[in-house]
Amino acid sequence: GNVNDLKLVSMILAETLRLYPPVVM
């Protein structure tokens, strides 16, 4: 019930995926 309330953590993960995407191509 509270995982989706982690808004800043979600943004941190989005920025991580931007800089270091698991699939690069």
PDB file of all heavy atoms in Angstrom:
ATOM      1  N   GLY A   1       0.780  -1.228   0.000  1.00  0.00           N
ATOM      2  CA  GLY A   1       0.000   0.000   0.000  1.00  0.00           C
ATOM      3  C   GLY A   1       0.808   1.272   0.000  1.00  0.00           C
ATOM      4  O   GLY A   1       0.263   2.349  -0.271  1.00  0.00           O
ATOM      5  N   ASN A   2       2.122   1.196   0.326  1.00  0.00           N
ATOM      6  CA  ASN A   2       2.899   2.446   0.367  1.00  0.00           C
ATOM      7  C   ASN A   2       4.071   2.515  -0.607  1.00  0.00           C
ATOM      8  O   ASN A   2       4.739   3.549  -0.696  1.00  0.00           O
ATOM      9  CB  ASN A   2       3.384   2.746   1.792  1.00  0.00           C
ATOM     10  CG  ASN A   2       4.338   1.688   2.335  1.00  0.00           C
ATOM     11  OD1 ASN A   2       5.004   0.994   1.599  1.00  0.00           O
ATOM     12  ND2 ASN A   2       4.394   1.582   3.671  1.00  0.00           N
ATOM     13  N   VAL A   3       4.335   1.454  -1.337  1.00  0.00           N
ATOM     14  CA  VAL A   3       5.478   1.467  -2.270  1.00  0.00           C
ATOM     15  C   VAL A   3       5.339   2.587  -3.301  1.00  0.00           C
ATOM     16  O   VAL A   3       6.303   3.300  -3.606  1.00  0.00           O
ATOM     17  CB  VAL A   3       5.625   0.099  -2.967  1.00  0.00           C
ATOM     18  CG1 VAL A   3       6.639   0.177  -4.115  1.00  0.00           C
ATOM     19  CG2 VAL A   3       6.071  -0.961  -1.964  1.00  0.00           C
ATOM     20  N   ASN A   4       4.137   2.773  -3.824  1.00  0.00           N
ATOM     21  CA  ASN A   4       3.937   3.804  -4.842  1.00  0.00           C
ATOM     22  C   ASN A   4       3.955   5.226  -4.285  1.00  0.00           C
ATOM     23  O   ASN A   4       3.940   6.198  -5.053  1.00  0.00           O
ATOM     24  CB  ASN A   4       2.624   3.563  -5.591  1.00  0.00           C
ATOM     25  CG  ASN A   4       2.758   2.429  -6.600  1.00  0.00           C
ATOM     26  OD1 ASN A   4       3.849   2.170  -7.125  1.00  0.00           O
ATOM     27  ND2 ASN A   4       1.664   1.743  -6.870  1.00  0.00           N
ATOM     28  N   ASP A   5       4.010   5.362  -2.965  1.00  0.00           N
ATOM     29  CA  ASP A   5       4.119   6.694  -2.359  1.00  0.00           C
ATOM     30  C   ASP A   5       5.567   7.183  -2.314  1.00  0.00           C
ATOM     31  O   ASP A   5       5.818   8.323  -1.915  1.00  0.00           O
ATOM     32  CB  ASP A   5       3.545   6.674  -0.944  1.00  0.00           C
ATOM     33  CG  ASP A   5       2.037   6.421  -0.935  1.00  0.00           C
ATOM     34  OD1 ASP A   5       1.373   6.813  -1.912  1.00  0.00           O
ATOM     35  OD2 ASP A   5       1.534   5.820   0.034  1.00  0.00           O
ATOM     36  N   LEU A   6       6.491   6.342  -2.697  1.00  0.00           N
ATOM     37  CA  LEU A   6       7.914   6.721  -2.709  1.00  0.00           C
ATOM     38  C   LEU A   6       8.218   7.503  -3.992  1.00  0.00           C
ATOM     39  O   LEU A   6       8.876   7.009  -4.912  1.00  0.00           O
ATOM     40  CB  LEU A   6       8.789   5.475  -2.588  1.00  0.00           C
ATOM     41  CG  LEU A   6       8.617   4.662  -1.292  1.00  0.00           C
ATOM     42  CD1 LEU A   6       9.329   3.321  -1.395  1.00  0.00           C
ATOM     43  CD2 LEU A   6       9.138   5.460  -0.096  1.00  0.00           C
ATOM     44  N   LYS A   7       7.743   8.741  -4.056  1.00  0.00           N
ATOM     45  CA  LYS A   7       7.826   9.543  -5.283  1.00  0.00           C
ATOM     46  C   LYS A   7       9.259   9.925  -5.618  1.00  0.00           C
ATOM     47  O   LYS A   7       9.681   9.838  -6.782  1.00  0.00           O
ATOM     48  CB  LYS A   7       6.971  10.809  -5.147  1.00  0.00           C
ATOM     49  CG  LYS A   7       5.507  10.551  -4.796  1.00  0.00           C
ATOM     50  CD  LYS A   7       4.809   9.726  -5.848  1.00  0.00           C
ATOM     51  CE  LYS A   7       3.318   9.551  -5.509  1.00  0.00           C
ATOM     52  NZ  LYS A   7       2.642   8.644  -6.469  1.00  0.00           N
ATOM     53  N   LEU A   8      10.019  10.386  -4.626  1.00  0.00           N
ATOM     54  CA  LEU A   8      11.404  10.781  -4.885  1.00  0.00           C
ATOM     55  C   LEU A   8      12.252   9.572  -5.248  1.00  0.00           C
ATOM     56  O   LEU A   8      13.097   9.641  -6.152  1.00  0.00           O
ATOM     57  CB  LEU A   8      11.994  11.492  -3.663  1.00  0.00           C
ATOM     58  CG  LEU A   8      13.433  12.015  -3.832  1.00  0.00           C
ATOM     59  CD1 LEU A   8      13.537  12.969  -5.011  1.00  0.00           C
ATOM     60  CD2 LEU A   8      13.910  12.670  -2.546  1.00  0.00           C
ATOM     61  N   VAL A   9      12.017   8.455  -4.553  1.00  0.00           N
ATOM     62  CA  VAL A   9      12.740   7.219  -4.903  1.00  0.00           C
ATOM     63  C   VAL A   9      12.431   6.826  -6.346  1.00  0.00           C
ATOM     64  O   VAL A   9      13.328   6.393  -7.088  1.00  0.00           O
ATOM     65  CB  VAL A   9      12.372   6.079  -3.925  1.00  0.00           C
ATOM     66  CG1 VAL A   9      12.943   4.745  -4.409  1.00  0.00           C
ATOM     67  CG2 VAL A   9      12.885   6.394  -2.530  1.00  0.00           C
ATOM     68  N   SER A  10      11.189   7.003  -6.777  1.00  0.00           N
ATOM     69  CA  SER A  10      10.827   6.704  -8.168  1.00  0.00           C
ATOM     70  C   SER A  10      11.601   7.586  -9.136  1.00  0.00           C
ATOM     71  O   SER A  10      12.074   7.114 -10.177  1.00  0.00           O
ATOM     72  CB  SER A  10       9.320   6.905  -8.378  1.00  0.00           C
ATOM     73  OG  SER A  10       8.579   5.994  -7.601  1.00  0.00           O
ATOM     74  N   MET A  11      11.749   8.876  -8.800  1.00  0.00           N
ATOM     75  CA  MET A  11      12.508   9.778  -9.663  1.00  0.00           C
ATOM     76  C   MET A  11      13.992   9.412  -9.694  1.00  0.00           C
ATOM     77  O   MET A  11      14.650   9.508 -10.732  1.00  0.00           O
ATOM     78  CB  MET A  11      12.313  11.228  -9.218  1.00  0.00           C
ATOM     79  CG  MET A  11      10.928  11.775  -9.520  1.00  0.00           C
ATOM     80  SD  MET A  11      10.798  13.567  -9.274  1.00  0.00           S
ATOM     81  CE  MET A  11      10.741  13.646  -7.478  1.00  0.00           C
ATOM     82  N   ILE A  12      14.512   8.973  -8.542  1.00  0.00           N
ATOM     83  CA  ILE A  12      15.913   8.525  -8.486  1.00  0.00           C
ATOM     84  C   ILE A  12      16.120   7.312  -9.382  1.00  0.00           C
ATOM     85  O   ILE A  12      17.119   7.212 -10.114  1.00  0.00           O
ATOM     86  CB  ILE A  12      16.305   8.221  -7.028  1.00  0.00           C
ATOM     87  CG1 ILE A  12      16.450   9.533  -6.248  1.00  0.00           C
ATOM     88  CG2 ILE A  12      17.583   7.391  -6.955  1.00  0.00           C
ATOM     89  CD1 ILE A  12      16.545   9.359  -4.745  1.00  0.00           C
ATOM     90  N   LEU A  13      15.179   6.387  -9.357  1.00  0.00           N
ATOM     91  CA  LEU A  13      15.286   5.201 -10.213  1.00  0.00           C
ATOM     92  C   LEU A  13      15.148   5.579 -11.688  1.00  0.00           C
ATOM     93  O   LEU A  13      15.850   5.016 -12.542  1.00  0.00           O
ATOM     94  CB  LEU A  13      14.234   4.173  -9.816  1.00  0.00           C
ATOM     95  CG  LEU A  13      14.486   3.461  -8.482  1.00  0.00           C
ATOM     96  CD1 LEU A  13      13.272   2.647  -8.068  1.00  0.00           C
ATOM     97  CD2 LEU A  13      15.722   2.570  -8.574  1.00  0.00           C
ATOM     98  N   ALA A  14      14.254   6.525 -12.006  1.00  0.00           N
ATOM     99  CA  ALA A  14      14.123   6.972 -13.387  1.00  0.00           C
ATOM    100  C   ALA A  14      15.420   7.605 -13.874  1.00  0.00           C
ATOM    101  O   ALA A  14      15.869   7.355 -15.008  1.00  0.00           O
ATOM    102  CB  ALA A  14      12.963   7.974 -13.515  1.00  0.00           C
ATOM    103  N   GLU A  15      16.056   8.409 -13.034  1.00  0.00           N
ATOM    104  CA  GLU A  15      17.322   9.036 -13.421  1.00  0.00           C
ATOM    105  C   GLU A  15      18.427   7.993 -13.538  1.00  0.00           C
ATOM    106  O   GLU A  15      19.306   8.095 -14.414  1.00  0.00           O
ATOM    107  CB  GLU A  15      17.694  10.112 -12.403  1.00  0.00           C
ATOM    108  CG  GLU A  15      18.956  10.883 -12.711  1.00  0.00           C
ATOM    109  CD  GLU A  15      18.851  11.831 -13.897  1.00  0.00           C
ATOM    110  OE1 GLU A  15      17.974  11.623 -14.776  1.00  0.00           O
ATOM    111  OE2 GLU A  15      19.652  12.769 -13.980  1.00  0.00           O
ATOM    112  N   THR A  16      18.403   6.977 -12.680  1.00  0.00           N
ATOM    113  CA  THR A  16      19.356   5.869 -12.804  1.00  0.00           C
ATOM    114  C   THR A  16      19.182   5.156 -14.132  1.00  0.00           C
ATOM    115  O   THR A  16      20.162   4.858 -14.837  1.00  0.00           O
ATOM    116  CB  THR A  16      19.158   4.872 -11.653  1.00  0.00           C
ATOM    117  OG1 THR A  16      19.323   5.532 -10.399  1.00  0.00           O
ATOM    118  CG2 THR A  16      20.158   3.723 -11.747  1.00  0.00           C
ATOM    119  N   LEU A  17      17.933   4.876 -14.495  1.00  0.00           N
ATOM    120  CA  LEU A  17      17.655   4.201 -15.768  1.00  0.00           C
ATOM    121  C   LEU A  17      18.032   5.066 -16.963  1.00  0.00           C
ATOM    122  O   LEU A  17      18.367   4.558 -18.030  1.00  0.00           O
ATOM    123  CB  LEU A  17      16.176   3.830 -15.832  1.00  0.00           C
ATOM    124  CG  LEU A  17      15.738   2.694 -14.913  1.00  0.00           C
ATOM    125  CD1 LEU A  17      14.217   2.651 -14.802  1.00  0.00           C
ATOM    126  CD2 LEU A  17      16.267   1.353 -15.397  1.00  0.00           C
ATOM    127  N   ARG A  18      17.964   6.368 -16.798  1.00  0.00           N
ATOM    128  CA  ARG A  18      18.383   7.255 -17.889  1.00  0.00           C
ATOM    129  C   ARG A  18      19.892   7.196 -18.083  1.00  0.00           C
ATOM    130  O   ARG A  18      20.382   7.024 -19.201  1.00  0.00           O
ATOM    131  CB  ARG A  18      17.954   8.699 -17.590  1.00  0.00           C
ATOM    132  CG  ARG A  18      18.216   9.664 -18.749  1.00  0.00           C
ATOM    133  CD  ARG A  18      17.870  11.087 -18.377  1.00  0.00           C
ATOM    134  NE  ARG A  18      18.798  11.651 -17.405  1.00  0.00           N
ATOM    135  CZ  ARG A  18      19.990  12.167 -17.714  1.00  0.00           C
ATOM    136  NH1 ARG A  18      20.417  12.175 -18.968  1.00  0.00           N
ATOM    137  NH2 ARG A  18      20.762  12.669 -16.762  1.00  0.00           N
ATOM    138  N   LEU A  19      20.634   7.322 -16.994  1.00  0.00           N
ATOM    139  CA  LEU A  19      22.096   7.356 -17.092  1.00  0.00           C
ATOM    140  C   LEU A  19      22.702   5.979 -17.354  1.00  0.00           C
ATOM    141  O   LEU A  19      23.687   5.859 -18.085  1.00  0.00           O
ATOM    142  CB  LEU A  19      22.676   7.934 -15.799  1.00  0.00           C
ATOM    143  CG  LEU A  19      22.417   9.419 -15.553  1.00  0.00           C
ATOM    144  CD1 LEU A  19      22.840   9.801 -14.140  1.00  0.00           C
ATOM    145  CD2 LEU A  19      23.131  10.289 -16.582  1.00  0.00           C
ATOM    146  N   TYR A  20      22.119   4.938 -16.768  1.00  0.00           N
ATOM    147  CA  TYR A  20      22.670   3.580 -16.870  1.00  0.00           C
ATOM    148  C   TYR A  20      21.551   2.583 -17.190  1.00  0.00           C
ATOM    149  O   TYR A  20      21.207   1.735 -16.356  1.00  0.00           O
ATOM    150  CB  TYR A  20      23.386   3.190 -15.573  1.00  0.00           C
ATOM    151  CG  TYR A  20      24.555   4.081 -15.257  1.00  0.00           C
ATOM    152  CD1 TYR A  20      24.405   5.176 -14.407  1.00  0.00           C
ATOM    153  CD2 TYR A  20      25.806   3.858 -15.829  1.00  0.00           C
ATOM    154  CE1 TYR A  20      25.477   6.027 -14.136  1.00  0.00           C
ATOM    155  CE2 TYR A  20      26.879   4.692 -15.564  1.00  0.00           C
ATOM    156  CZ  TYR A  20      26.712   5.780 -14.717  1.00  0.00           C
ATOM    157  OH  TYR A  20      27.773   6.613 -14.461  1.00  0.00           O
ATOM    158  N   PRO A  21      20.956   2.663 -18.381  1.00  0.00           N
ATOM    159  CA  PRO A  21      19.867   1.739 -18.722  1.00  0.00           C
ATOM    160  C   PRO A  21      20.378   0.307 -18.837  1.00  0.00           C
ATOM    161  O   PRO A  21      21.441   0.075 -19.428  1.00  0.00           O
ATOM    162  CB  PRO A  21      19.382   2.253 -20.088  1.00  0.00           C
ATOM    163  CG  PRO A  21      20.581   2.949 -20.669  1.00  0.00           C
ATOM    164  CD  PRO A  21      21.305   3.550 -19.507  1.00  0.00           C
ATOM    165  N   PRO A  22      19.674  -0.669 -18.254  1.00  0.00           N
ATOM    166  CA  PRO A  22      20.122  -2.072 -18.398  1.00  0.00           C
ATOM    167  C   PRO A  22      20.254  -2.491 -19.855  1.00  0.00           C
ATOM    168  O   PRO A  22      21.199  -3.174 -20.233  1.00  0.00           O
ATOM    169  CB  PRO A  22      19.014  -2.860 -17.680  1.00  0.00           C
ATOM    170  CG  PRO A  22      18.389  -1.890 -16.734  1.00  0.00           C
ATOM    171  CD  PRO A  22      18.464  -0.559 -17.419  1.00  0.00           C
ATOM    172  N   VAL A  23      19.295  -2.076 -20.694  1.00  0.00           N
ATOM    173  CA  VAL A  23      19.344  -2.374 -22.128  1.00  0.00           C
ATOM    174  C   VAL A  23      19.772  -1.099 -22.839  1.00  0.00           C
ATOM    175  O   VAL A  23      19.040  -0.114 -22.857  1.00  0.00           O
ATOM    176  CB  VAL A  23      17.975  -2.846 -22.647  1.00  0.00           C
ATOM    177  CG1 VAL A  23      18.035  -3.125 -24.145  1.00  0.00           C
ATOM    178  CG2 VAL A  23      17.517  -4.086 -21.888  1.00  0.00           C
ATOM    179  N   VAL A  24      20.963  -1.089 -23.433  1.00  0.00           N
ATOM    180  CA  VAL A  24      21.491   0.140 -24.034  1.00  0.00           C
ATOM    181  C   VAL A  24      21.094   0.283 -25.498  1.00  0.00           C
ATOM    182  O   VAL A  24      21.185   1.371 -26.066  1.00  0.00           O
ATOM    183  CB  VAL A  24      23.025   0.225 -23.892  1.00  0.00           C
ATOM    184  CG1 VAL A  24      23.433   0.147 -22.436  1.00  0.00           C
ATOM    185  CG2 VAL A  24      23.729  -0.858 -24.701  1.00  0.00           C
ATOM    186  N   MET A  25      20.654  -0.811 -26.117  1.00  0.00           N
ATOM    187  CA  MET A  25      20.248  -0.749 -27.517  1.00  0.00           C
ATOM    188  C   MET A  25      19.272  -1.877 -27.829  1.00  0.00           C
ATOM    189  O   MET A  25      19.271  -2.918 -27.173  1.00  0.00           O
ATOM    190  CB  MET A  25      21.461  -0.837 -28.450  1.00  0.00           C
ATOM    191  CG  MET A  25      22.208  -2.152 -28.367  1.00  0.00           C
ATOM    192  SD  MET A  25      23.708  -2.193 -29.378  1.00  0.00           S
ATOM    193  CE  MET A  25      24.814  -1.188 -28.383  1.00  0.00           C
TER     194      MET A  25
END
